[in-house]
Amino acid sequence: MAPAPNQNSSVTALSGGLGAIGLWRLMAVAAPHLGALILMLRTETDFGSRTCFLLTWGILNFLFVALLRRPALSGALSLTLVMVLVLLSRFKHDVVQMTANFVDLMVIDRDTATFLLTIFPDLRWSIIGAGLVTLPLMYALWWLDPFRIRRLPAAAACLACAAALSAYAFTWPDEAWRGYYDDGYLSKFARSGIVALSDFVNHGFMESDATGNERLKLPLVDACHPAGRRPNIIMIHDESSFDIRQARGVKVPPGYGSQFKSYDGVERIFLAESNGGPSWFTEYNVLAGLSSRSFGRFAYFVTRIASGRVERGLPLALRRCGYTTLSLYPAFGAFMSARSFQATTGIQHFYDAHDLHAKDVEPDDFFYGKALRLMAEHNTPVSPLFTFVYLAANHFPWETKFRPDLLPSWKRPGNASSIDEYLRRQTMSANDYAGFVAALKKRFPAQPFLIVRYGDHQPEFSPQLLDPELDEAGIGKRLMDYDPRYYATYYAIDAINFEPVKSPTVMQTIDAAYLPLVIQEAAGIPLDPSFEEQKAIMLRCNGLFYACRDGAEARRFNRLLIDAGMIKGL
């Protein structure tokens, strides 16, 4: 006979099964918090940043709990968002040496998505695949979660964390230079959100006077009557180039420095508004003729914000005088909204890396060759050309040798390998420019040209060269204080079959925003009312723009442009 069933054994087995299920449910609740703790310890480096991480983690969790009432699912959603932020921030740092902040979210646009999908064509399928995996897991957590939390206490806790984070962010604001550090992804993002939203509410994207009693006259379409023949104008963006002799003890090759001199033998100083990376700051300066510093903490996104809003600049002024405008760009046109921004400032024909069939980084000679071909295509007897040539060969990193097949006769001066590579690329650039000038003379023998070159910013290693005794915090403070030694590059004026017009605006030292004015004056182009007003500011402030009267001149000028309809929605 079979033994009778043991009722106590069945109860024990059932209790064990429920206990196992309960353990899994508790683990589902605890696991996201454990993952966040590990992430915090690996990515946040000090007490302050970890405090911000925990407060932000609390905001996310309590917000989702207030919406869903399920702590396991809320934790999983919070961890997913934080992980996505960390991955995107590390990707951004790899591309532009700066981590993500809240303004990235505020100004996200179609160009951003287009740029990412252009670089990573399989990204859309990765997103779809991640969604197909994530959604069933979220549903499983919804089913497994045994807890229900009331919405009102969760909302109160969320607000308490937000208040604490705000108080911390305003009491101990994060220095902007820390954005260049590859760490603290969530804490920097959260603190930037608090301060950016406050700035946006108080000032908008761009600084300007609240009201103004003066008015600019609108430029008349038929008011441009230059004296003499209009030259073709070429503006050359010389990537990361400055006279390295500013630093003590650097050995340079024979003949170094001649590339920084103008047709009259004078070396002039160009004060950029960035150091080490964001070329688009200077792109905004030399096309719009305005200061990126007027955008405050939004300056990093200046071309994206200005796109479709800042309808003023050098190309528009030249088009009013009958010029055809074209631009050669070494990256994809969606990067930092370059295509739409340049079109807003008056560029009619924009050619990006795809249009030019560029393969990764190309030497300067590649872009000069493309420029010669495009200028020949657009050249007409009645319409002179404005051509913006954006070079990239001198872009970081300098730890590896760029195109070792080029300049085989190069001999190292004897500096650190990265410094010698930088000097090698500058020599290549100078040789390629000389070849470009010779080709212009041969291909367009009777046509006049005005050529203006500028260094868009110093290389990322320049602060350590200029002040080797300072640590990162000391260098960061000088960068934030806009020490002119960290922002000084060069601008040079050359001419073919043309004598540049003498003008008091061609100063020894100019802020970057004045270069469009210098170009028009040197070319003999009549100024529209906005550039006439800016010329008065330049002469009054001796070549300074934003720094003149602690930004008062720039704020007043921005208000004039807003009232004239040249700046909209800012």
Protein backbone atom coordinates (compact mmCIF):
# COMPACT_ATOMS: atom_id res chain seq x y z
CA MET A 1 0.00 0.00 0.00
CA ALA A 2 1.29 3.48 -0.85
CA PRO A 3 2.03 5.75 2.09
CA ALA A 4 -0.52 8.43 2.91
CA PRO A 5 0.41 11.93 1.72
CA ASN A 6 2.07 14.16 4.31
CA GLN A 7 0.03 17.36 4.48
CA ASN A 8 2.80 19.23 6.33
CA SER A 9 5.31 18.37 3.57
CA SER A 10 2.98 19.86 0.95
CA VAL A 11 2.59 23.08 2.92
CA THR A 12 6.35 23.33 3.33
CA ALA A 13 6.92 22.83 -0.39
CA LEU A 14 4.28 25.41 -1.26
CA SER A 15 5.79 27.91 1.18
CA GLY A 16 9.21 27.28 -0.33
CA GLY A 17 7.86 27.97 -3.82
CA LEU A 18 6.17 31.20 -2.72
CA GLY A 19 9.35 32.19 -0.94
CA ALA A 20 11.35 31.70 -4.13
CA ILE A 21 8.85 33.80 -6.08
CA GLY A 22 8.94 36.44 -3.35
CA LEU A 23 12.74 36.49 -3.46
CA TRP A 24 12.69 37.03 -7.23
CA ARG A 25 10.23 39.89 -6.75
CA LEU A 26 12.40 41.50 -4.10
CA MET A 27 15.42 41.10 -6.36
CA ALA A 28 13.49 42.77 -9.20
CA VAL A 29 12.95 45.78 -6.93
CA ALA A 30 16.50 45.89 -5.56
CA ALA A 31 18.50 45.15 -8.72
CA PRO A 32 18.10 48.56 -10.44
CA HIS A 33 19.20 50.36 -7.28
CA LEU A 34 22.22 48.10 -6.94
CA GLY A 35 23.09 48.76 -10.60
CA ALA A 36 22.76 52.51 -10.05
CA LEU A 37 25.03 52.33 -7.00
CA ILE A 38 27.72 50.54 -8.99
CA LEU A 39 27.37 53.05 -11.83
CA MET A 40 27.66 55.95 -9.40
CA LEU A 41 30.85 54.59 -7.85
CA ARG A 42 32.40 54.06 -11.29
CA THR A 43 31.46 57.39 -12.90
CA GLU A 44 31.17 59.98 -10.12
CA THR A 45 34.44 61.06 -8.56
CA ASP A 46 33.71 63.13 -5.45
CA PHE A 47 31.19 63.65 -2.66
CA GLY A 48 29.39 66.52 -4.40
CA SER A 49 28.88 64.71 -7.69
CA ARG A 50 27.70 61.56 -5.87
CA THR A 51 25.23 63.62 -3.86
CA CYS A 52 23.83 65.03 -7.11
CA PHE A 53 23.69 61.53 -8.59
CA LEU A 54 21.65 60.23 -5.63
CA LEU A 55 19.27 63.20 -5.71
CA THR A 56 18.74 62.80 -9.46
CA TRP A 57 18.22 59.08 -8.99
CA GLY A 58 15.58 59.89 -6.39
CA ILE A 59 13.84 62.34 -8.75
CA LEU A 60 13.62 59.76 -11.52
CA ASN A 61 12.45 56.91 -9.28
CA PHE A 62 9.84 58.85 -7.37
CA LEU A 63 8.56 60.44 -10.59
CA PHE A 64 7.98 57.03 -12.18
CA VAL A 65 6.49 55.69 -8.95
CA ALA A 66 4.07 58.64 -8.88
CA LEU A 67 3.02 57.72 -12.41
CA LEU A 68 3.08 53.89 -12.24
CA ARG A 69 3.00 53.02 -8.48
CA ARG A 70 5.36 50.07 -9.11
CA PRO A 71 8.88 50.47 -7.63
CA ALA A 72 10.51 47.62 -9.59
CA LEU A 73 9.41 48.98 -12.97
CA SER A 74 10.21 52.54 -11.86
CA GLY A 75 13.74 51.52 -10.89
CA ALA A 76 14.26 49.69 -14.17
CA LEU A 77 13.04 52.66 -16.22
CA SER A 78 15.26 55.02 -14.21
CA LEU A 79 18.32 52.81 -14.67
CA THR A 80 17.60 52.53 -18.41
CA LEU A 81 17.48 56.33 -18.78
CA VAL A 82 20.67 56.79 -16.78
CA MET A 83 22.49 54.13 -18.81
CA VAL A 84 21.36 55.74 -22.08
CA LEU A 85 22.57 59.12 -20.80
CA VAL A 86 25.97 57.69 -19.82
CA LEU A 87 26.42 56.00 -23.20
CA LEU A 88 25.39 59.11 -25.15
CA SER A 89 27.60 61.29 -22.97
CA ARG A 90 30.63 59.07 -23.54
CA PHE A 91 29.90 59.05 -27.28
CA LYS A 92 29.69 62.86 -27.32
CA HIS A 93 32.97 63.10 -25.42
CA ASP A 94 34.66 60.80 -27.94
CA VAL A 95 33.47 63.06 -30.78
CA VAL A 96 33.83 66.59 -29.36
CA GLN A 97 35.67 66.10 -26.02
CA MET A 98 32.72 67.28 -23.95
CA THR A 99 30.11 65.33 -22.00
CA ALA A 100 26.36 65.72 -22.49
CA ASN A 101 24.44 68.35 -20.58
CA PHE A 102 20.82 69.37 -20.31
CA VAL A 103 21.03 71.89 -23.13
CA ASP A 104 21.57 68.97 -25.53
CA LEU A 105 18.02 67.97 -24.67
CA MET A 106 16.67 71.53 -24.92
CA VAL A 107 17.97 72.08 -28.45
CA ILE A 108 17.61 68.55 -29.85
CA ASP A 109 16.51 68.81 -33.46
CA ARG A 110 16.22 66.94 -36.73
CA ASP A 111 19.86 67.64 -37.62
CA THR A 112 21.03 65.85 -34.47
CA ALA A 113 19.16 62.68 -35.38
CA THR A 114 20.30 62.94 -39.00
CA PHE A 115 23.94 63.29 -37.95
CA LEU A 116 23.81 60.25 -35.66
CA LEU A 117 22.10 58.11 -38.29
CA THR A 118 24.62 59.24 -40.91
CA ILE A 119 27.58 58.22 -38.75
CA PHE A 120 25.89 55.03 -37.52
CA PRO A 121 23.55 53.84 -40.31
CA ASP A 122 22.67 50.71 -38.29
CA LEU A 123 21.63 52.77 -35.26
CA ARG A 124 17.92 52.72 -36.13
CA TRP A 125 17.97 48.92 -36.16
CA SER A 126 19.81 48.86 -32.84
CA ILE A 127 17.11 51.11 -31.37
CA ILE A 128 14.36 48.88 -32.73
CA GLY A 129 16.12 45.77 -31.43
CA ALA A 130 16.60 47.32 -27.99
CA GLY A 131 12.91 48.20 -27.92
CA LEU A 132 11.87 44.64 -28.81
CA VAL A 133 13.99 43.31 -25.94
CA THR A 134 13.14 46.01 -23.41
CA LEU A 135 9.36 46.05 -23.74
CA PRO A 136 8.84 42.37 -22.72
CA LEU A 137 11.21 42.85 -19.79
CA MET A 138 9.26 45.89 -18.64
CA TYR A 139 6.03 43.92 -18.87
CA ALA A 140 7.59 41.11 -16.80
CA LEU A 141 8.60 43.62 -14.14
CA TRP A 142 5.07 45.04 -14.16
CA TRP A 143 3.74 41.55 -13.44
CA LEU A 144 6.42 40.53 -10.90
CA ASP A 145 6.30 43.70 -8.79
CA PRO A 146 4.26 42.90 -5.64
CA PHE A 147 4.41 46.42 -4.22
CA ARG A 148 2.15 49.41 -4.75
CA ILE A 149 3.18 52.84 -3.50
CA ARG A 150 0.77 55.71 -3.08
CA ARG A 151 1.18 58.52 -5.60
CA LEU A 152 1.04 61.49 -3.24
CA PRO A 153 4.01 60.50 -1.03
CA ALA A 154 6.02 59.61 -4.15
CA ALA A 155 5.29 63.01 -5.73
CA ALA A 156 6.24 64.76 -2.50
CA ALA A 157 9.53 62.83 -2.35
CA CYS A 158 10.24 63.70 -6.00
CA LEU A 159 9.71 67.40 -5.30
CA ALA A 160 11.90 67.20 -2.18
CA CYS A 161 14.76 65.69 -4.18
CA ALA A 162 14.31 68.32 -6.90
CA ALA A 163 14.40 71.11 -4.32
CA ALA A 164 17.54 69.69 -2.72
CA LEU A 165 19.24 69.30 -6.11
CA SER A 166 18.32 72.88 -7.07
CA ALA A 167 19.68 74.26 -3.83
CA TYR A 168 22.92 72.34 -4.31
CA ALA A 169 23.28 73.40 -7.97
CA PHE A 170 22.81 77.10 -7.18
CA THR A 171 24.97 77.01 -4.05
CA TRP A 172 27.85 75.10 -5.65
CA PRO A 173 27.48 75.62 -9.42
CA ASP A 174 29.51 73.26 -11.57
CA GLU A 175 32.33 74.99 -13.43
CA ALA A 176 31.79 74.80 -17.19
CA TRP A 177 35.33 73.51 -17.79
CA ARG A 178 34.41 70.28 -15.98
CA GLY A 179 32.31 69.44 -19.01
CA TYR A 180 35.57 68.48 -20.72
CA TYR A 181 36.22 65.76 -18.13
CA ASP A 182 35.14 62.25 -19.10
CA ASP A 183 33.27 61.51 -15.87
CA GLY A 184 30.33 62.64 -13.71
CA TYR A 185 27.84 62.13 -16.55
CA LEU A 186 24.58 62.15 -14.58
CA SER A 187 25.56 64.74 -11.96
CA LYS A 188 26.80 67.24 -14.57
CA PHE A 189 23.70 66.69 -16.69
CA ALA A 190 21.38 67.25 -13.72
CA ARG A 191 23.15 70.35 -12.40
CA SER A 192 23.30 71.87 -15.89
CA GLY A 193 19.55 71.35 -16.19
CA ILE A 194 18.79 73.37 -13.09
CA VAL A 195 21.00 76.30 -14.09
CA ALA A 196 20.14 76.20 -17.83
CA LEU A 197 16.40 76.32 -17.18
CA SER A 198 16.90 79.23 -14.79
CA ASP A 199 19.00 81.11 -17.37
CA PHE A 200 16.50 80.41 -20.14
CA VAL A 201 13.58 81.70 -18.06
CA ASN A 202 15.48 84.85 -17.09
CA HIS A 203 17.35 85.67 -20.33
CA GLY A 204 16.29 83.36 -23.14
CA PHE A 205 18.98 81.78 -25.30
CA MET A 206 20.84 85.01 -26.07
CA GLU A 207 21.74 88.08 -24.02
CA SER A 208 20.32 91.38 -25.24
CA ASP A 209 19.05 94.62 -23.76
CA ALA A 210 15.41 94.40 -22.75
CA THR A 211 14.53 97.52 -24.73
CA GLY A 212 16.28 100.00 -26.99
CA ASN A 213 15.61 103.54 -28.13
CA GLU A 214 17.79 103.32 -31.25
CA ARG A 215 16.85 101.73 -34.56
CA LEU A 216 18.91 100.36 -37.44
CA LYS A 217 17.95 101.26 -40.96
CA LEU A 218 17.16 98.22 -43.07
CA PRO A 219 19.68 97.72 -45.92
CA LEU A 220 18.32 98.64 -49.33
CA VAL A 221 18.59 96.00 -52.04
CA ASP A 222 20.08 98.39 -54.61
CA ALA A 223 22.24 100.41 -52.20
CA CYS A 224 25.51 98.54 -52.81
CA HIS A 225 27.72 100.41 -55.27
CA PRO A 226 31.36 99.53 -54.60
CA ALA A 227 34.07 101.74 -55.97
CA GLY A 228 36.27 99.87 -58.41
CA ARG A 229 36.25 96.21 -59.26
CA ARG A 230 34.85 93.76 -56.71
CA PRO A 231 37.35 91.02 -55.88
CA ASN A 232 36.50 87.38 -55.45
CA ILE A 233 36.74 86.70 -51.72
CA ILE A 234 38.11 83.51 -50.20
CA MET A 235 37.91 82.94 -46.44
CA ILE A 236 40.01 80.04 -45.12
CA HIS A 237 39.34 78.34 -41.80
CA ASP A 238 42.78 77.12 -40.67
CA GLU A 239 42.02 74.35 -38.17
CA SER A 240 43.67 74.57 -34.71
CA SER A 241 46.43 76.85 -35.97
CA PHE A 242 48.32 79.46 -33.96
CA ASP A 243 51.89 80.69 -33.68
CA ILE A 244 53.33 78.13 -31.26
CA ARG A 245 56.25 80.44 -30.53
CA GLN A 246 53.96 82.04 -27.93
CA ALA A 247 55.01 79.12 -25.70
CA ARG A 248 58.46 79.09 -24.14
CA GLY A 249 61.03 76.52 -25.20
CA VAL A 250 59.31 75.11 -28.30
CA LYS A 251 61.71 74.36 -31.18
CA VAL A 252 60.32 75.27 -34.60
CA PRO A 253 61.54 74.36 -38.11
CA PRO A 254 63.42 76.90 -40.26
CA GLY A 255 61.16 79.52 -41.84
CA TYR A 256 58.36 78.92 -39.36
CA GLY A 257 56.03 81.90 -38.90
CA SER A 258 55.85 83.25 -42.43
CA GLN A 259 52.42 81.62 -42.87
CA PHE A 260 50.96 83.96 -40.25
CA LYS A 261 51.93 87.16 -42.05
CA SER A 262 49.74 89.21 -44.36
CA TYR A 263 50.61 90.65 -47.77
CA ASP A 264 52.17 93.66 -45.99
CA GLY A 265 54.48 91.51 -43.85
CA VAL A 266 52.52 92.12 -40.62
CA GLU A 267 51.44 89.29 -38.28
CA ARG A 268 48.06 90.10 -36.74
CA ILE A 269 46.20 88.55 -33.81
CA PHE A 270 42.74 86.99 -33.98
CA LEU A 271 41.01 86.45 -30.62
CA ALA A 272 38.83 83.36 -30.95
CA GLU A 273 36.12 82.45 -28.45
CA SER A 274 37.02 78.79 -27.97
CA ASN A 275 40.09 76.77 -27.11
CA GLY A 276 40.90 73.22 -28.08
CA GLY A 277 37.82 71.98 -29.89
CA PRO A 278 34.57 73.74 -30.82
CA SER A 279 35.35 75.19 -34.24
CA TRP A 280 31.69 76.10 -34.69
CA PHE A 281 32.10 78.96 -32.18
CA THR A 282 34.42 80.63 -34.69
CA GLU A 283 32.23 79.55 -37.58
CA TYR A 284 29.46 81.58 -35.95
CA ASN A 285 31.82 84.54 -35.41
CA VAL A 286 33.10 84.78 -38.97
CA LEU A 287 29.79 84.14 -40.73
CA ALA A 288 27.27 85.95 -38.49
CA GLY A 289 29.75 88.60 -37.31
CA LEU A 290 28.50 88.16 -33.74
CA SER A 291 29.75 86.73 -30.44
CA SER A 292 29.03 83.21 -29.25
CA ARG A 293 29.59 84.49 -25.72
CA SER A 294 26.25 86.30 -25.92
CA PHE A 295 24.67 82.86 -25.59
CA GLY A 296 26.16 82.25 -22.14
CA ARG A 297 25.95 78.59 -21.14
CA PHE A 298 24.09 77.93 -24.41
CA ALA A 299 27.16 78.97 -26.46
CA TYR A 300 28.17 75.37 -27.09
CA PHE A 301 25.05 75.01 -29.25
CA VAL A 302 25.34 78.40 -30.91
CA THR A 303 25.07 77.28 -34.55
CA ARG A 304 22.12 75.00 -33.79
CA ILE A 305 20.29 77.77 -31.93
CA ALA A 306 21.14 80.44 -34.52
CA SER A 307 19.96 78.28 -37.43
CA GLY A 308 16.84 79.90 -38.86
CA ARG A 309 17.02 82.73 -36.31
CA VAL A 310 20.14 84.85 -36.96
CA GLU A 311 19.58 86.21 -40.48
CA ARG A 312 22.59 88.49 -40.57
CA GLY A 313 26.17 87.99 -41.61
CA LEU A 314 28.98 88.24 -44.10
CA PRO A 315 27.47 86.04 -46.87
CA LEU A 316 24.16 87.94 -46.75
CA ALA A 317 25.98 91.28 -46.92
CA LEU A 318 28.01 90.10 -49.92
CA ARG A 319 24.95 88.71 -51.71
CA ARG A 320 23.43 92.19 -51.42
CA CYS A 321 26.44 93.35 -53.47
CA GLY A 322 25.95 90.70 -56.15
CA TYR A 323 28.20 87.93 -54.83
CA THR A 324 27.54 84.23 -55.26
CA THR A 325 28.32 82.42 -52.01
CA LEU A 326 29.59 78.87 -51.55
CA SER A 327 31.05 76.84 -48.70
CA LEU A 328 33.18 73.69 -48.48
CA TYR A 329 32.68 71.83 -45.19
CA PRO A 330 34.86 68.87 -44.07
CA ALA A 331 32.19 67.03 -42.00
CA PHE A 332 28.59 66.00 -42.53
CA GLY A 333 26.32 69.01 -42.97
CA ALA A 334 24.03 67.95 -40.12
CA PHE A 335 26.87 68.27 -37.58
CA MET A 336 25.92 71.12 -35.23
CA SER A 337 23.35 72.15 -37.89
CA ALA A 338 26.16 73.52 -40.07
CA ARG A 339 24.21 73.30 -43.34
CA SER A 340 21.10 75.08 -42.06
CA PHE A 341 23.10 77.64 -40.07
CA GLN A 342 25.27 78.61 -43.01
CA ALA A 343 22.20 78.85 -45.23
CA THR A 344 20.65 81.19 -42.65
CA THR A 345 23.67 83.50 -42.86
CA GLY A 346 23.52 83.58 -46.67
CA ILE A 347 25.45 80.60 -48.06
CA GLN A 348 23.76 79.57 -51.32
CA HIS A 349 25.82 76.50 -52.24
CA PHE A 350 26.91 74.25 -49.37
CA TYR A 351 29.13 71.21 -50.01
CA ASP A 352 29.76 68.86 -47.11
CA ALA A 353 32.04 65.82 -46.79
CA HIS A 354 29.51 63.63 -48.58
CA ASP A 355 29.13 66.06 -51.49
CA LEU A 356 32.90 66.43 -51.78
CA HIS A 357 33.50 62.64 -51.52
CA ALA A 358 35.86 63.20 -48.60
CA LYS A 359 37.15 60.07 -46.89
CA ASP A 360 37.63 60.69 -43.18
CA VAL A 361 40.10 63.58 -42.62
CA GLU A 362 41.61 64.93 -45.83
CA PRO A 363 44.73 67.11 -46.31
CA ASP A 364 44.27 70.79 -47.09
CA ASP A 365 45.24 70.20 -50.70
CA PHE A 366 42.09 68.09 -51.14
CA PHE A 367 39.81 70.98 -50.20
CA TYR A 368 41.79 73.52 -52.18
CA GLY A 369 41.45 71.31 -55.26
CA LYS A 370 37.71 71.00 -54.74
CA ALA A 371 37.45 74.76 -54.21
CA LEU A 372 39.21 75.46 -57.51
CA ARG A 373 36.82 73.16 -59.36
CA LEU A 374 33.70 74.61 -57.73
CA MET A 375 34.86 78.19 -58.25
CA ALA A 376 35.34 77.45 -61.94
CA GLU A 377 31.81 76.03 -62.12
CA HIS A 378 30.21 79.04 -60.40
CA ASN A 379 32.43 81.72 -61.93
CA THR A 380 30.59 84.28 -64.10
CA PRO A 381 31.69 87.65 -65.51
CA VAL A 382 28.95 89.55 -63.65
CA SER A 383 28.93 87.86 -60.23
CA PRO A 384 32.07 87.62 -58.07
CA LEU A 385 32.43 84.69 -55.69
CA PHE A 386 32.64 84.36 -51.94
CA THR A 387 34.15 80.98 -51.07
CA PHE A 388 34.44 79.66 -47.51
CA VAL A 389 37.05 76.87 -47.32
CA TYR A 390 36.92 74.93 -44.04
CA LEU A 391 40.10 72.89 -43.48
CA ALA A 392 40.54 69.93 -41.11
CA ALA A 393 43.99 68.31 -41.53
CA ASN A 394 45.36 69.90 -38.37
CA HIS A 395 42.59 68.46 -36.20
CA PHE A 396 43.54 66.39 -33.15
CA PRO A 397 44.83 63.84 -32.28
CA TRP A 398 48.49 64.63 -32.82
CA GLU A 399 49.72 61.45 -31.13
CA THR A 400 49.43 59.64 -34.47
CA LYS A 401 51.08 60.66 -37.72
CA PHE A 402 48.60 62.02 -40.25
CA ARG A 403 49.25 60.81 -43.79
CA PRO A 404 52.89 59.71 -43.29
CA ASP A 405 53.23 59.53 -47.09
CA LEU A 406 53.06 63.33 -47.25
CA LEU A 407 56.03 65.60 -46.56
CA PRO A 408 58.59 62.74 -46.54
CA SER A 409 61.50 65.18 -46.12
CA TRP A 410 60.20 66.40 -42.76
CA LYS A 411 62.74 66.44 -39.93
CA ARG A 412 61.57 66.62 -36.31
CA PRO A 413 62.73 69.77 -34.49
CA GLY A 414 63.08 67.78 -31.25
CA ASN A 415 59.98 68.47 -29.17
CA ALA A 416 57.50 65.98 -27.73
CA SER A 417 56.17 63.77 -30.51
CA SER A 418 52.69 65.36 -30.48
CA ILE A 419 54.16 68.89 -30.74
CA ASP A 420 56.40 67.86 -33.63
CA GLU A 421 53.42 66.26 -35.39
CA TYR A 422 51.49 69.51 -34.92
CA LEU A 423 54.38 71.46 -36.48
CA ARG A 424 54.58 68.95 -39.32
CA ARG A 425 50.92 69.47 -40.13
CA GLN A 426 51.32 73.25 -39.99
CA THR A 427 54.16 72.93 -42.50
CA MET A 428 51.95 70.81 -44.73
CA SER A 429 49.21 73.44 -44.48
CA ALA A 430 51.60 76.26 -45.40
CA ASN A 431 52.87 74.31 -48.44
CA ASP A 432 49.34 73.45 -49.57
CA TYR A 433 48.28 77.09 -49.24
CA ALA A 434 51.22 78.23 -51.37
CA GLY A 435 50.20 75.68 -54.00
CA PHE A 436 46.60 76.94 -53.86
CA VAL A 437 47.68 80.55 -54.47
CA ALA A 438 49.83 79.45 -57.40
CA ALA A 439 46.89 77.49 -58.84
CA LEU A 440 44.57 80.52 -58.50
CA LYS A 441 47.01 82.67 -60.45
CA LYS A 442 47.28 80.06 -63.17
CA ARG A 443 43.58 79.15 -63.43
CA PHE A 444 42.16 82.68 -63.08
CA PRO A 445 45.02 84.81 -64.40
CA ALA A 446 43.15 88.11 -64.79
CA GLN A 447 40.73 87.94 -61.85
CA PRO A 448 41.19 89.79 -58.54
CA PHE A 449 41.16 87.87 -55.28
CA LEU A 450 41.11 88.85 -51.63
CA ILE A 451 42.13 85.91 -49.40
CA VAL A 452 41.67 86.00 -45.63
CA ARG A 453 42.91 83.17 -43.40
CA TYR A 454 42.43 82.72 -39.67
CA GLY A 455 43.19 80.18 -36.96
CA ASP A 456 39.87 79.03 -35.54
CA HIS A 457 41.27 78.23 -32.07
CA GLN A 458 44.41 77.03 -30.34
CA PRO A 459 45.01 73.26 -30.08
CA GLU A 460 43.88 71.46 -26.94
CA PHE A 461 47.44 71.15 -25.61
CA SER A 462 48.21 74.88 -25.77
CA PRO A 463 47.25 75.78 -22.16
CA GLN A 464 49.73 73.21 -20.83
CA LEU A 465 52.42 74.69 -23.10
CA LEU A 466 51.64 78.27 -22.17
CA ASP A 467 51.39 77.62 -18.42
CA PRO A 468 53.12 74.32 -17.61
CA GLU A 469 53.14 75.12 -13.89
CA LEU A 470 49.32 75.21 -13.61
CA ASP A 471 47.12 72.22 -12.79
CA GLU A 472 43.84 71.47 -14.56
CA ALA A 473 41.80 73.60 -12.17
CA GLY A 474 44.12 76.58 -12.66
CA ILE A 475 43.99 76.23 -16.44
CA GLY A 476 40.22 75.82 -16.30
CA LYS A 477 39.85 79.05 -14.36
CA ARG A 478 41.95 80.97 -16.88
CA LEU A 479 39.92 79.53 -19.73
CA MET A 480 36.70 80.62 -18.02
CA ASP A 481 38.19 84.08 -17.43
CA TYR A 482 39.03 84.32 -21.15
CA ASP A 483 42.74 84.85 -20.69
CA PRO A 484 43.62 86.22 -24.15
CA ARG A 485 46.81 84.14 -24.30
CA TYR A 486 44.63 81.02 -24.52
CA TYR A 487 42.46 82.41 -27.32
CA ALA A 488 44.95 84.28 -29.52
CA THR A 489 45.53 82.80 -32.99
CA TYR A 490 46.14 84.81 -36.17
CA TYR A 491 44.44 86.36 -39.16
CA ALA A 492 46.20 87.14 -42.41
CA ILE A 493 45.17 89.05 -45.54
CA ASP A 494 46.53 88.21 -49.00
CA ALA A 495 45.59 89.44 -52.45
CA ILE A 496 45.99 88.51 -56.12
CA ASN A 497 45.53 91.17 -58.82
CA PHE A 498 44.01 93.39 -56.14
CA GLU A 499 45.19 96.01 -53.68
CA PRO A 500 43.37 95.64 -50.32
CA VAL A 501 41.65 98.85 -49.28
CA LYS A 502 43.28 100.60 -46.33
CA SER A 503 40.96 100.75 -43.34
CA PRO A 504 41.25 101.46 -39.60
CA THR A 505 39.37 98.19 -39.00
CA VAL A 506 42.41 96.16 -40.10
CA MET A 507 43.81 96.32 -36.58
CA GLN A 508 46.73 94.52 -35.00
CA THR A 509 44.34 92.58 -32.74
CA ILE A 510 40.64 91.92 -33.37
CA ASP A 511 37.91 89.87 -31.76
CA ALA A 512 36.69 87.07 -34.04
CA ALA A 513 33.28 88.67 -34.55
CA TYR A 514 34.88 91.60 -36.42
CA LEU A 515 36.43 89.51 -39.22
CA PRO A 516 33.40 89.94 -41.57
CA LEU A 517 33.74 93.69 -41.13
CA VAL A 518 37.49 93.59 -41.84
CA ILE A 519 36.87 91.55 -45.01
CA GLN A 520 34.25 93.94 -46.37
CA GLU A 521 36.42 96.96 -45.63
CA ALA A 522 39.51 95.40 -47.22
CA ALA A 523 37.46 94.43 -50.30
CA GLY A 524 35.97 97.92 -50.64
CA ILE A 525 32.41 96.70 -50.13
CA PRO A 526 29.94 99.36 -48.87
CA LEU A 527 28.69 98.42 -45.40
CA ASP A 528 25.04 97.88 -44.61
CA PRO A 529 23.64 99.78 -41.58
CA SER A 530 24.30 96.88 -39.16
CA PHE A 531 27.97 96.65 -40.12
CA GLU A 532 28.27 100.45 -40.06
CA GLU A 533 27.07 100.35 -36.46
CA GLN A 534 29.42 97.47 -35.65
CA LYS A 535 32.32 99.40 -37.17
CA ALA A 536 31.59 102.26 -34.77
CA ILE A 537 31.66 99.78 -31.88
CA MET A 538 34.94 98.30 -33.12
CA LEU A 539 36.65 101.67 -33.33
CA ARG A 540 35.20 102.78 -30.01
CA CYS A 541 36.29 99.56 -28.26
CA ASN A 542 39.67 99.19 -30.01
CA GLY A 543 38.96 95.77 -31.53
CA LEU A 544 37.06 94.25 -28.60
CA PHE A 545 33.45 93.17 -28.97
CA TYR A 546 31.86 91.09 -26.21
CA ALA A 547 34.53 92.07 -23.67
CA CYS A 548 33.91 95.77 -24.27
CA ARG A 549 32.12 97.27 -21.25
CA ASP A 550 31.48 93.81 -19.77
CA GLY A 551 29.20 92.81 -22.63
CA ALA A 552 27.11 95.97 -22.69
CA GLU A 553 28.03 96.83 -26.28
CA ALA A 554 27.18 93.30 -27.49
CA ARG A 555 23.85 93.30 -25.62
CA ARG A 556 22.92 96.67 -27.09
CA PHE A 557 23.90 95.56 -30.59
CA ASN A 558 21.90 92.33 -30.26
CA ARG A 559 18.83 94.39 -29.33
CA LEU A 560 19.33 96.57 -32.43
CA LEU A 561 19.43 93.44 -34.62
CA ILE A 562 16.36 91.99 -32.91
CA ASP A 563 14.38 95.20 -33.42
CA ALA A 564 15.52 95.31 -37.07
CA GLY A 565 14.22 91.75 -37.62
CA MET A 566 17.66 90.25 -38.29
CA ILE A 567 17.48 88.09 -35.14
CA LYS A 568 14.22 86.28 -34.49
CA GLY A 569 12.93 84.10 -31.69
CA LEU A 570 15.84 84.76 -29.31
